[in-house]
């Protein structure tokens, strides 16, 4: 059931992407497609770190494109087409029907809470134990330093962004 739902979601996102004309709406659909791919990757992998990294890298790229788009075409109006609206109505009606399964609606078994398994909790917390915690702390410090550098470079009077007149 979930495989069918993910397949239909991917097809709908791809079809919506072809119907969009505005770059902002294309970016939103592309971001939804990335979330879809990250969820699929996380479901297939043993741990979800690869999908987290993939999503964060793609989100950073989308933010750069968003800044570029808003600085180049900041006054362009966002309009939706009627065909996209008519295409979204059946999707919004079918989505709750596809996601609710009457057999598992009130089932509180262990399959619904996969993090209760002690081996998976240990795998996640192993990066904070002694040999690996140094790399984690260095990665956090590097990302924080990079954040500070990017903020300082893109200040309103010194960066390559469009100046306010």
N, C-alpha and C. Protein backbone atom coordinates (compact mmCIF):
# COMPACT_ATOMS: atom_id res chain seq x y z
N UNK A 1 0.82 -1.20 0.00
CA UNK A 1 0.00 0.00 0.00
C UNK A 1 0.86 1.25 0.00
N UNK A 2 1.89 1.26 0.84
CA UNK A 2 2.74 2.46 0.89
C UNK A 2 3.56 2.61 -0.39
N UNK A 3 3.93 1.48 -1.02
CA UNK A 3 4.68 1.57 -2.27
C UNK A 3 3.80 2.18 -3.37
N UNK A 4 2.54 1.81 -3.40
CA UNK A 4 1.61 2.40 -4.36
C UNK A 4 1.44 3.89 -4.10
N UNK A 5 1.34 4.27 -2.83
CA UNK A 5 1.18 5.68 -2.48
C UNK A 5 2.41 6.48 -2.90
N UNK A 6 3.62 5.94 -2.65
CA UNK A 6 4.83 6.65 -3.05
C UNK A 6 4.95 6.76 -4.57
N UNK A 7 4.55 5.72 -5.28
CA UNK A 7 4.60 5.77 -6.74
C UNK A 7 3.63 6.81 -7.29
N UNK A 8 2.43 6.83 -6.76
CA UNK A 8 1.44 7.82 -7.22
C UNK A 8 1.90 9.23 -6.88
N UNK A 9 2.50 9.42 -5.70
CA UNK A 9 3.01 10.74 -5.33
C UNK A 9 4.12 11.18 -6.27
N UNK A 10 5.01 10.28 -6.64
CA UNK A 10 6.08 10.62 -7.58
C UNK A 10 5.55 10.99 -8.95
N UNK A 11 4.56 10.26 -9.43
CA UNK A 11 3.97 10.56 -10.74
C UNK A 11 3.25 11.90 -10.70
N UNK A 12 2.53 12.17 -9.63
CA UNK A 12 1.81 13.45 -9.51
C UNK A 12 2.79 14.61 -9.44
N UNK A 13 3.88 14.46 -8.66
CA UNK A 13 4.88 15.52 -8.59
C UNK A 13 5.53 15.77 -9.94
N UNK A 14 5.83 14.71 -10.68
CA UNK A 14 6.44 14.88 -12.00
C UNK A 14 5.48 15.55 -12.97
N UNK A 15 4.21 15.18 -12.92
CA UNK A 15 3.23 15.81 -13.80
C UNK A 15 3.02 17.27 -13.44
N UNK A 16 2.96 17.57 -12.15
CA UNK A 16 2.80 18.96 -11.73
C UNK A 16 4.01 19.80 -12.13
N UNK A 17 5.20 19.21 -12.07
CA UNK A 17 6.41 19.95 -12.44
C UNK A 17 6.36 20.37 -13.91
N UNK A 18 5.81 19.50 -14.76
CA UNK A 18 5.72 19.83 -16.18
C UNK A 18 4.67 20.91 -16.45
N UNK A 19 3.67 21.03 -15.59
CA UNK A 19 2.61 22.02 -15.78
C UNK A 19 2.97 23.40 -15.25
N UNK A 20 3.96 23.51 -14.39
CA UNK A 20 4.30 24.78 -13.76
C UNK A 20 5.05 25.69 -14.73
N UNK A 21 4.80 27.00 -14.57
CA UNK A 21 5.46 27.98 -15.42
C UNK A 21 6.33 28.95 -14.63
N UNK A 22 6.04 29.13 -13.36
CA UNK A 22 6.78 30.06 -12.52
C UNK A 22 7.94 29.34 -11.84
N UNK A 23 9.12 29.96 -11.77
CA UNK A 23 10.26 29.28 -11.14
C UNK A 23 10.06 28.96 -9.67
N UNK A 24 9.30 29.78 -8.95
CA UNK A 24 9.06 29.49 -7.54
C UNK A 24 8.21 28.23 -7.37
N UNK A 25 7.19 28.07 -8.19
CA UNK A 25 6.37 26.86 -8.08
C UNK A 25 7.16 25.63 -8.52
N UNK A 26 8.03 25.80 -9.51
CA UNK A 26 8.89 24.69 -9.90
C UNK A 26 9.83 24.29 -8.77
N UNK A 27 10.32 25.28 -8.05
CA UNK A 27 11.20 24.99 -6.91
C UNK A 27 10.47 24.26 -5.80
N UNK A 28 9.22 24.62 -5.56
CA UNK A 28 8.43 23.95 -4.53
C UNK A 28 8.18 22.49 -4.92
N UNK A 29 7.84 22.26 -6.17
CA UNK A 29 7.61 20.89 -6.64
C UNK A 29 8.91 20.09 -6.59
N UNK A 30 10.02 20.71 -6.97
CA UNK A 30 11.31 20.04 -6.92
C UNK A 30 11.70 19.71 -5.48
N UNK A 31 11.38 20.59 -4.56
CA UNK A 31 11.65 20.32 -3.14
C UNK A 31 10.78 19.17 -2.63
N UNK A 32 9.52 19.12 -3.06
CA UNK A 32 8.65 18.01 -2.68
C UNK A 32 9.16 16.69 -3.26
N UNK A 33 9.67 16.73 -4.48
CA UNK A 33 10.24 15.53 -5.10
C UNK A 33 11.49 15.09 -4.35
N UNK A 34 12.28 16.03 -3.87
CA UNK A 34 13.47 15.69 -3.09
C UNK A 34 13.09 15.06 -1.76
N UNK A 35 12.07 15.58 -1.11
CA UNK A 35 11.59 14.97 0.13
C UNK A 35 11.12 13.55 -0.14
N UNK A 36 10.45 13.35 -1.25
CA UNK A 36 9.99 12.02 -1.65
C UNK A 36 11.17 11.07 -1.84
N UNK A 37 12.20 11.51 -2.54
CA UNK A 37 13.39 10.68 -2.76
C UNK A 37 14.11 10.40 -1.45
N UNK A 38 14.19 11.39 -0.57
CA UNK A 38 14.85 11.19 0.73
C UNK A 38 14.09 10.19 1.59
N UNK A 39 12.77 10.23 1.55
CA UNK A 39 11.99 9.26 2.31
C UNK A 39 12.19 7.86 1.76
N UNK A 40 12.23 7.72 0.45
CA UNK A 40 12.47 6.41 -0.15
C UNK A 40 13.87 5.90 0.18
N UNK A 41 14.87 6.78 0.13
CA UNK A 41 16.23 6.38 0.46
C UNK A 41 16.34 5.99 1.92
N UNK A 42 15.69 6.72 2.78
CA UNK A 42 15.71 6.41 4.20
C UNK A 42 15.03 5.08 4.50
N UNK A 43 13.98 4.76 3.76
CA UNK A 43 13.29 3.50 3.98
C UNK A 43 14.12 2.31 3.51
N UNK A 44 14.96 2.51 2.49
CA UNK A 44 15.76 1.40 1.97
C UNK A 44 17.07 1.22 2.72
N UNK A 45 17.60 2.26 3.32
CA UNK A 45 18.91 2.17 3.96
C UNK A 45 18.78 1.70 5.41
N UNK A 46 19.91 1.31 5.97
CA UNK A 46 19.94 0.87 7.37
C UNK A 46 19.74 2.06 8.31
N UNK A 47 20.38 3.18 8.00
CA UNK A 47 20.17 4.39 8.79
C UNK A 47 19.86 5.54 7.83
N UNK A 48 19.39 6.63 8.37
CA UNK A 48 18.85 7.70 7.53
C UNK A 48 19.83 8.85 7.31
N UNK A 49 21.10 8.70 7.63
CA UNK A 49 22.02 9.83 7.52
C UNK A 49 22.25 10.25 6.08
N UNK A 50 22.29 9.30 5.16
CA UNK A 50 22.48 9.67 3.76
C UNK A 50 21.33 10.53 3.26
N UNK A 51 20.11 10.17 3.62
CA UNK A 51 18.97 10.96 3.17
C UNK A 51 18.94 12.34 3.82
N UNK A 52 19.38 12.44 5.08
CA UNK A 52 19.47 13.75 5.73
C UNK A 52 20.48 14.64 5.01
N UNK A 53 21.63 14.08 4.71
CA UNK A 53 22.68 14.85 4.02
C UNK A 53 22.21 15.26 2.64
N UNK A 54 21.58 14.34 1.91
CA UNK A 54 21.05 14.65 0.58
C UNK A 54 20.04 15.79 0.65
N UNK A 55 19.14 15.74 1.61
CA UNK A 55 18.13 16.78 1.74
C UNK A 55 18.75 18.12 2.10
N UNK A 56 19.70 18.13 3.04
CA UNK A 56 20.31 19.40 3.44
C UNK A 56 21.13 20.02 2.32
N UNK A 57 21.86 19.21 1.57
CA UNK A 57 22.63 19.75 0.44
C UNK A 57 21.69 20.31 -0.62
N UNK A 58 20.64 19.59 -0.92
CA UNK A 58 19.70 20.07 -1.92
C UNK A 58 18.96 21.31 -1.44
N UNK A 59 18.62 21.35 -0.16
CA UNK A 59 17.96 22.53 0.39
C UNK A 59 18.87 23.75 0.33
N UNK A 60 20.16 23.57 0.59
CA UNK A 60 21.11 24.68 0.46
C UNK A 60 21.18 25.20 -0.96
N UNK A 61 21.20 24.29 -1.93
CA UNK A 61 21.19 24.71 -3.33
C UNK A 61 19.91 25.42 -3.71
N UNK A 62 18.79 24.95 -3.19
CA UNK A 62 17.52 25.60 -3.48
C UNK A 62 17.45 26.99 -2.84
N UNK A 63 18.06 27.17 -1.68
CA UNK A 63 18.09 28.50 -1.06
C UNK A 63 18.92 29.47 -1.88
N UNK A 64 20.03 29.00 -2.43
CA UNK A 64 20.84 29.86 -3.31
C UNK A 64 20.04 30.24 -4.54
N UNK A 65 19.34 29.28 -5.14
CA UNK A 65 18.50 29.60 -6.30
C UNK A 65 17.36 30.54 -5.93
N UNK A 66 16.81 30.39 -4.74
CA UNK A 66 15.74 31.28 -4.28
C UNK A 66 16.24 32.71 -4.13
N UNK A 67 17.42 32.88 -3.55
CA UNK A 67 17.99 34.22 -3.40
C UNK A 67 18.26 34.84 -4.76
N UNK A 68 18.81 34.04 -5.68
CA UNK A 68 19.07 34.54 -7.03
C UNK A 68 17.77 34.93 -7.72
N UNK A 69 16.76 34.09 -7.60
CA UNK A 69 15.48 34.35 -8.25
C UNK A 69 14.82 35.60 -7.71
N UNK A 70 14.84 35.78 -6.40
CA UNK A 70 14.19 36.95 -5.83
C UNK A 70 14.97 38.23 -6.11
N UNK A 71 16.27 38.13 -6.32
CA UNK A 71 17.02 39.34 -6.63
C UNK A 71 16.89 39.72 -8.10
N UNK A 72 16.66 38.76 -8.97
CA UNK A 72 16.54 39.06 -10.40
C UNK A 72 15.10 39.45 -10.76
N UNK A 73 14.15 38.66 -10.33
CA UNK A 73 12.75 38.91 -10.69
C UNK A 73 11.91 39.00 -9.43
N UNK A 74 12.09 40.07 -8.69
CA UNK A 74 11.42 40.17 -7.40
C UNK A 74 9.97 40.61 -7.50
N UNK A 75 9.58 41.27 -8.58
CA UNK A 75 8.22 41.81 -8.67
C UNK A 75 7.29 40.98 -9.55
N UNK A 76 7.73 39.81 -9.98
CA UNK A 76 6.89 38.98 -10.84
C UNK A 76 5.79 38.33 -10.01
N UNK A 77 4.57 38.37 -10.52
CA UNK A 77 3.43 37.82 -9.80
C UNK A 77 3.40 36.30 -9.91
N UNK A 78 2.95 35.67 -8.85
CA UNK A 78 2.82 34.22 -8.80
C UNK A 78 1.39 33.86 -9.14
N UNK A 79 1.19 33.19 -10.28
CA UNK A 79 -0.15 32.83 -10.72
C UNK A 79 -0.24 31.32 -10.88
N UNK A 80 -1.38 30.77 -10.54
CA UNK A 80 -1.61 29.34 -10.73
C UNK A 80 -2.55 29.14 -11.90
N UNK A 81 -2.32 28.10 -12.66
CA UNK A 81 -3.18 27.84 -13.80
C UNK A 81 -4.39 27.01 -13.37
N UNK A 82 -5.44 27.09 -14.14
CA UNK A 82 -6.67 26.37 -13.82
C UNK A 82 -6.50 24.86 -13.97
N UNK A 83 -5.68 24.43 -14.94
CA UNK A 83 -5.50 22.98 -15.13
C UNK A 83 -4.81 22.34 -13.93
N UNK A 84 -3.88 23.07 -13.31
CA UNK A 84 -3.21 22.54 -12.13
C UNK A 84 -4.18 22.46 -10.96
N UNK A 85 -5.03 23.46 -10.83
CA UNK A 85 -6.01 23.45 -9.75
C UNK A 85 -6.99 22.29 -9.91
N UNK A 86 -7.45 22.03 -11.15
CA UNK A 86 -8.37 20.92 -11.38
C UNK A 86 -7.67 19.58 -11.20
N UNK A 87 -6.37 19.55 -11.41
CA UNK A 87 -5.62 18.31 -11.22
C UNK A 87 -5.38 18.03 -9.74
N UNK A 88 -5.29 19.08 -8.93
CA UNK A 88 -5.02 18.91 -7.51
C UNK A 88 -6.25 18.49 -6.71
N UNK A 89 -7.45 18.80 -7.18
CA UNK A 89 -8.66 18.46 -6.43
C UNK A 89 -8.81 16.95 -6.24
N UNK A 90 -8.70 16.12 -7.30
CA UNK A 90 -8.80 14.67 -7.05
C UNK A 90 -7.66 14.13 -6.19
N UNK A 91 -6.50 14.73 -6.30
CA UNK A 91 -5.36 14.28 -5.49
C UNK A 91 -5.63 14.54 -4.02
N UNK A 92 -6.12 15.72 -3.71
CA UNK A 92 -6.41 16.06 -2.32
C UNK A 92 -7.57 15.23 -1.76
N UNK A 93 -8.48 14.81 -2.61
CA UNK A 93 -9.57 13.95 -2.15
C UNK A 93 -9.08 12.52 -1.94
N UNK A 94 -8.23 12.03 -2.84
CA UNK A 94 -7.77 10.64 -2.76
C UNK A 94 -6.68 10.42 -1.72
N UNK A 95 -5.92 11.45 -1.38
CA UNK A 95 -4.79 11.27 -0.47
C UNK A 95 -5.21 10.75 0.91
N UNK A 96 -6.22 11.33 1.57
CA UNK A 96 -6.62 10.74 2.85
C UNK A 96 -7.18 9.33 2.72
N UNK A 97 -7.85 9.05 1.61
CA UNK A 97 -8.40 7.71 1.41
C UNK A 97 -7.30 6.68 1.22
N UNK A 98 -6.21 7.08 0.58
CA UNK A 98 -5.11 6.14 0.34
C UNK A 98 -4.26 5.94 1.58
N UNK A 99 -4.15 6.93 2.42
CA UNK A 99 -3.26 6.81 3.57
C UNK A 99 -3.90 6.14 4.76
N UNK A 100 -5.22 6.12 4.84
CA UNK A 100 -5.87 5.47 5.98
C UNK A 100 -6.18 4.03 5.63
N UNK A 101 -5.70 3.14 6.45
CA UNK A 101 -5.98 1.72 6.31
C UNK A 101 -6.80 1.31 7.53
N UNK A 102 -8.02 0.85 7.36
CA UNK A 102 -8.85 0.56 8.54
C UNK A 102 -8.29 -0.55 9.43
N UNK A 103 -7.45 -1.41 8.89
CA UNK A 103 -6.89 -2.50 9.70
C UNK A 103 -5.80 -2.01 10.65
N UNK A 104 -5.10 -0.94 10.27
CA UNK A 104 -3.98 -0.48 11.10
C UNK A 104 -4.23 0.89 11.71
N UNK A 105 -5.45 1.38 11.67
CA UNK A 105 -5.70 2.72 12.16
C UNK A 105 -5.47 2.84 13.67
N UNK A 106 -5.93 1.88 14.44
CA UNK A 106 -5.79 1.96 15.89
C UNK A 106 -4.84 0.89 16.42
N UNK A 107 -3.94 0.43 15.60
CA UNK A 107 -3.00 -0.60 16.00
C UNK A 107 -1.75 0.06 16.57
N UNK A 108 -1.44 -0.18 17.82
CA UNK A 108 -0.26 0.39 18.45
C UNK A 108 0.78 -0.69 18.69
N UNK A 109 1.18 -1.36 17.66
CA UNK A 109 2.15 -2.43 17.80
C UNK A 109 3.56 -1.89 17.65
N UNK A 110 4.55 -2.78 17.72
CA UNK A 110 5.95 -2.36 17.65
C UNK A 110 6.35 -1.88 16.26
N UNK A 111 5.63 -2.29 15.22
CA UNK A 111 5.99 -1.86 13.87
C UNK A 111 5.78 -0.36 13.68
N UNK A 112 4.90 0.23 14.47
CA UNK A 112 4.64 1.66 14.34
C UNK A 112 5.71 2.50 15.02
N UNK A 113 6.47 1.92 15.93
CA UNK A 113 7.51 2.64 16.66
C UNK A 113 8.84 1.93 16.46
N UNK A 114 9.49 2.12 15.31
CA UNK A 114 10.71 1.36 15.05
C UNK A 114 11.90 1.80 15.90
N UNK A 115 11.87 2.99 16.48
CA UNK A 115 13.02 3.45 17.26
C UNK A 115 13.06 2.84 18.65
N UNK A 116 12.04 2.05 19.03
CA UNK A 116 12.08 1.38 20.31
C UNK A 116 13.08 0.24 20.33
N UNK A 117 13.52 -0.18 19.17
CA UNK A 117 14.50 -1.25 19.09
C UNK A 117 15.85 -0.74 19.61
N UNK A 118 16.46 -1.44 20.54
CA UNK A 118 17.68 -0.96 21.19
C UNK A 118 18.87 -0.92 20.24
N UNK A 119 18.95 -1.81 19.26
CA UNK A 119 20.10 -1.80 18.36
C UNK A 119 20.10 -0.55 17.48
N UNK A 120 18.93 -0.09 17.05
CA UNK A 120 18.86 1.11 16.23
C UNK A 120 19.18 2.35 17.05
N UNK A 121 18.76 2.38 18.30
CA UNK A 121 19.10 3.50 19.17
C UNK A 121 20.60 3.53 19.41
N UNK A 122 21.21 2.37 19.58
CA UNK A 122 22.66 2.32 19.79
C UNK A 122 23.40 2.77 18.55
N UNK A 123 22.92 2.40 17.34
CA UNK A 123 23.57 2.82 16.11
C UNK A 123 23.53 4.34 15.97
N UNK A 124 22.44 4.95 16.34
CA UNK A 124 22.33 6.40 16.24
C UNK A 124 23.20 7.10 17.27
N UNK A 125 23.25 6.57 18.48
CA UNK A 125 24.03 7.23 19.52
C UNK A 125 25.51 6.89 19.46
N UNK A 126 25.91 5.95 18.60
CA UNK A 126 27.33 5.58 18.55
C UNK A 126 28.20 6.70 17.99
N UNK A 127 27.63 7.62 17.25
CA UNK A 127 28.44 8.72 16.74
C UNK A 127 28.76 9.74 17.82
N UNK A 128 28.09 9.66 18.96
CA UNK A 128 28.39 10.56 20.07
C UNK A 128 29.29 9.92 21.12
N UNK A 129 29.67 8.67 20.93
CA UNK A 129 30.60 8.01 21.85
C UNK A 129 32.03 8.43 21.53
N UNK A 130 33.00 8.01 22.37
CA UNK A 130 34.34 8.58 22.35
C UNK A 130 35.05 8.59 20.99
N UNK A 131 35.22 7.51 20.28
CA UNK A 131 36.04 7.66 19.07
C UNK A 131 35.40 8.54 18.01
N UNK A 132 34.10 8.53 17.94
CA UNK A 132 33.42 9.27 16.87
C UNK A 132 33.01 10.68 17.28
N UNK A 133 32.99 10.99 18.55
CA UNK A 133 32.50 12.30 18.96
C UNK A 133 33.43 13.43 18.54
N UNK A 134 34.70 13.15 18.35
CA UNK A 134 35.64 14.18 17.91
C UNK A 134 35.30 14.62 16.48
N UNK A 135 35.00 13.66 15.61
CA UNK A 135 34.62 14.00 14.23
C UNK A 135 33.28 14.76 14.21
N UNK A 136 32.36 14.37 15.06
CA UNK A 136 31.08 15.06 15.11
C UNK A 136 31.25 16.50 15.58
N UNK A 137 32.05 16.70 16.60
CA UNK A 137 32.29 18.06 17.11
C UNK A 137 33.02 18.90 16.08
N UNK A 138 34.00 18.32 15.38
CA UNK A 138 34.71 19.06 14.33
C UNK A 138 33.78 19.42 13.18
N UNK A 139 32.89 18.51 12.81
CA UNK A 139 31.94 18.80 11.73
C UNK A 139 30.98 19.92 12.13
N UNK A 140 30.51 19.90 13.36
CA UNK A 140 29.61 20.96 13.84
C UNK A 140 30.34 22.29 13.88
N UNK A 141 31.59 22.30 14.36
CA UNK A 141 32.35 23.55 14.40
C UNK A 141 32.64 24.07 13.00
N UNK A 142 32.95 23.17 12.06
CA UNK A 142 33.20 23.59 10.68
C UNK A 142 31.94 24.19 10.06
N UNK A 143 30.79 23.55 10.26
CA UNK A 143 29.55 24.08 9.71
C UNK A 143 29.18 25.41 10.34
N UNK A 144 29.43 25.57 11.63
CA UNK A 144 29.14 26.84 12.30
C UNK A 144 30.06 27.94 11.77
N UNK A 145 31.34 27.64 11.59
CA UNK A 145 32.28 28.62 11.03
C UNK A 145 31.89 28.99 9.60
N UNK A 146 31.47 28.01 8.82
CA UNK A 146 31.02 28.29 7.46
C UNK A 146 29.78 29.16 7.46
N UNK A 147 28.87 28.92 8.39
CA UNK A 147 27.67 29.76 8.51
C UNK A 147 28.05 31.19 8.83
N UNK A 148 28.98 31.40 9.75
CA UNK A 148 29.40 32.76 10.10
C UNK A 148 30.05 33.44 8.91
N UNK A 149 30.90 32.72 8.16
CA UNK A 149 31.57 33.30 6.99
C UNK A 149 30.55 33.68 5.92
N UNK A 150 29.58 32.82 5.67
CA UNK A 150 28.57 33.13 4.65
C UNK A 150 27.73 34.33 5.06
N UNK A 151 27.38 34.43 6.32
CA UNK A 151 26.61 35.58 6.79
C UNK A 151 27.42 36.86 6.65
N UNK A 152 28.70 36.82 6.96
CA UNK A 152 29.55 38.01 6.85
C UNK A 152 29.77 38.40 5.39
N UNK A 153 29.89 37.42 4.50
CA UNK A 153 30.11 37.73 3.08
C UNK A 153 28.87 38.37 2.46
N UNK A 154 27.70 37.88 2.83
CA UNK A 154 26.47 38.36 2.20
C UNK A 154 25.79 39.45 3.01
N UNK A 155 26.54 40.28 3.68
CA UNK A 155 25.94 41.44 4.34
C UNK A 155 25.33 42.35 3.28
N UNK A 156 24.39 43.17 3.69
CA UNK A 156 23.59 43.91 2.71
C UNK A 156 24.40 44.91 1.89
N UNK A 157 25.54 45.41 2.38
CA UNK A 157 26.29 46.41 1.64
C UNK A 157 27.52 45.84 0.95
N UNK A 158 27.89 44.60 1.20
CA UNK A 158 29.12 44.07 0.63
C UNK A 158 28.91 42.89 -0.31
N UNK A 159 27.76 42.27 -0.31
CA UNK A 159 27.57 41.04 -1.07
C UNK A 159 27.18 41.31 -2.51
N UNK A 160 27.08 40.26 -3.30
CA UNK A 160 26.72 40.39 -4.71
C UNK A 160 25.22 40.51 -4.93
N UNK A 161 24.44 40.53 -3.86
CA UNK A 161 22.99 40.61 -4.02
C UNK A 161 22.56 42.01 -4.44
N UNK A 162 21.36 42.12 -4.93
CA UNK A 162 20.82 43.39 -5.41
C UNK A 162 20.69 44.37 -4.26
N UNK A 163 21.19 45.57 -4.45
CA UNK A 163 21.15 46.57 -3.38
C UNK A 163 19.79 47.25 -3.35
N UNK A 164 19.40 47.69 -2.17
CA UNK A 164 18.12 48.39 -2.05
C UNK A 164 18.34 49.87 -2.34
N UNK A 165 17.63 50.38 -3.34
CA UNK A 165 17.80 51.78 -3.76
C UNK A 165 16.86 52.68 -3.04
